[in-house]
Amino acid sequence: PERFTNRIEVAGLYWHFVDLVWIFLFPILYLLN
């Protein structure tokens, strides 16, 4: 079904977004601590 493939694409985009957030957040948290 189209809804199922759409969901997978959204999940993929979400995890890529999470990876990008961590790439920026981790060094900042490391420097602050």
N, C-alpha and C. Protein backbone atom coordinates (compact mmCIF):
# COMPACT_ATOMS: atom_id res chain seq x y z
N PRO A 1 0.83 -1.22 0.00
CA PRO A 1 0.00 0.00 0.00
C PRO A 1 0.86 1.27 0.00
N GLU A 2 0.32 2.35 -0.48
CA GLU A 2 1.09 3.59 -0.54
C GLU A 2 1.38 4.14 0.85
N ARG A 3 0.43 3.99 1.74
CA ARG A 3 0.63 4.52 3.10
C ARG A 3 1.82 3.85 3.77
N PHE A 4 2.00 2.55 3.51
CA PHE A 4 3.09 1.82 4.16
C PHE A 4 4.45 2.32 3.67
N THR A 5 4.60 2.49 2.36
CA THR A 5 5.87 2.98 1.83
C THR A 5 6.12 4.41 2.31
N ASN A 6 5.06 5.21 2.38
CA ASN A 6 5.21 6.58 2.88
C ASN A 6 5.72 6.57 4.31
N ARG A 7 5.19 5.67 5.10
CA ARG A 7 5.62 5.59 6.50
C ARG A 7 7.10 5.25 6.60
N ILE A 8 7.55 4.32 5.77
CA ILE A 8 8.96 3.93 5.80
C ILE A 8 9.84 5.11 5.40
N GLU A 9 9.42 5.86 4.40
CA GLU A 9 10.21 7.02 3.97
C GLU A 9 10.28 8.06 5.09
N VAL A 10 9.17 8.29 5.75
CA VAL A 10 9.15 9.26 6.85
C VAL A 10 10.05 8.79 7.98
N ALA A 11 10.00 7.49 8.29
CA ALA A 11 10.87 6.95 9.34
C ALA A 11 12.33 7.12 8.96
N GLY A 12 12.66 6.88 7.69
CA GLY A 12 14.04 7.04 7.24
C GLY A 12 14.50 8.48 7.37
N LEU A 13 13.65 9.41 6.96
CA LEU A 13 14.00 10.83 7.09
C LEU A 13 14.17 11.21 8.55
N TYR A 14 13.30 10.67 9.40
CA TYR A 14 13.37 10.98 10.83
C TYR A 14 14.71 10.53 11.41
N TRP A 15 15.15 9.30 11.05
CA TRP A 15 16.40 8.81 11.63
C TRP A 15 17.60 9.57 11.08
N HIS A 16 17.53 10.00 9.81
CA HIS A 16 18.62 10.82 9.28
C HIS A 16 18.67 12.15 10.03
N PHE A 17 17.51 12.71 10.34
CA PHE A 17 17.45 13.96 11.09
C PHE A 17 18.04 13.77 12.48
N VAL A 18 17.71 12.64 13.14
CA VAL A 18 18.25 12.36 14.47
C VAL A 18 19.77 12.25 14.40
N ASP A 19 20.29 11.58 13.37
CA ASP A 19 21.75 11.46 13.22
C ASP A 19 22.38 12.84 13.09
N LEU A 20 21.79 13.71 12.27
CA LEU A 20 22.34 15.05 12.09
C LEU A 20 22.31 15.83 13.40
N VAL A 21 21.22 15.70 14.15
CA VAL A 21 21.12 16.41 15.43
C VAL A 21 22.23 15.95 16.37
N TRP A 22 22.47 14.64 16.43
CA TRP A 22 23.51 14.14 17.33
C TRP A 22 24.89 14.57 16.89
N ILE A 23 25.10 14.66 15.56
CA ILE A 23 26.41 15.10 15.07
C ILE A 23 26.71 16.51 15.57
N PHE A 24 25.67 17.35 15.67
CA PHE A 24 25.88 18.71 16.17
C PHE A 24 25.86 18.77 17.70
N LEU A 25 24.98 17.99 18.32
CA LEU A 25 24.81 18.07 19.77
C LEU A 25 25.97 17.45 20.53
N PHE A 26 26.47 16.31 20.06
CA PHE A 26 27.46 15.57 20.83
C PHE A 26 28.72 16.39 21.11
N PRO A 27 29.32 17.04 20.10
CA PRO A 27 30.52 17.87 20.39
C PRO A 27 30.21 19.02 21.35
N ILE A 28 29.02 19.61 21.22
CA ILE A 28 28.66 20.73 22.10
C ILE A 28 28.55 20.24 23.54
N LEU A 29 27.85 19.12 23.75
CA LEU A 29 27.73 18.57 25.10
C LEU A 29 29.09 18.18 25.64
N TYR A 30 29.94 17.63 24.77
CA TYR A 30 31.28 17.21 25.20
C TYR A 30 32.10 18.41 25.64
N LEU A 31 32.01 19.50 24.90
CA LEU A 31 32.78 20.70 25.25
C LEU A 31 32.24 21.34 26.52
N LEU A 32 30.92 21.34 26.71
CA LEU A 32 30.34 21.95 27.90
C LEU A 32 30.72 21.18 29.15
N ASN A 33 30.78 19.86 29.04
CA ASN A 33 31.17 19.07 30.20
C ASN A 33 32.68 18.99 30.29
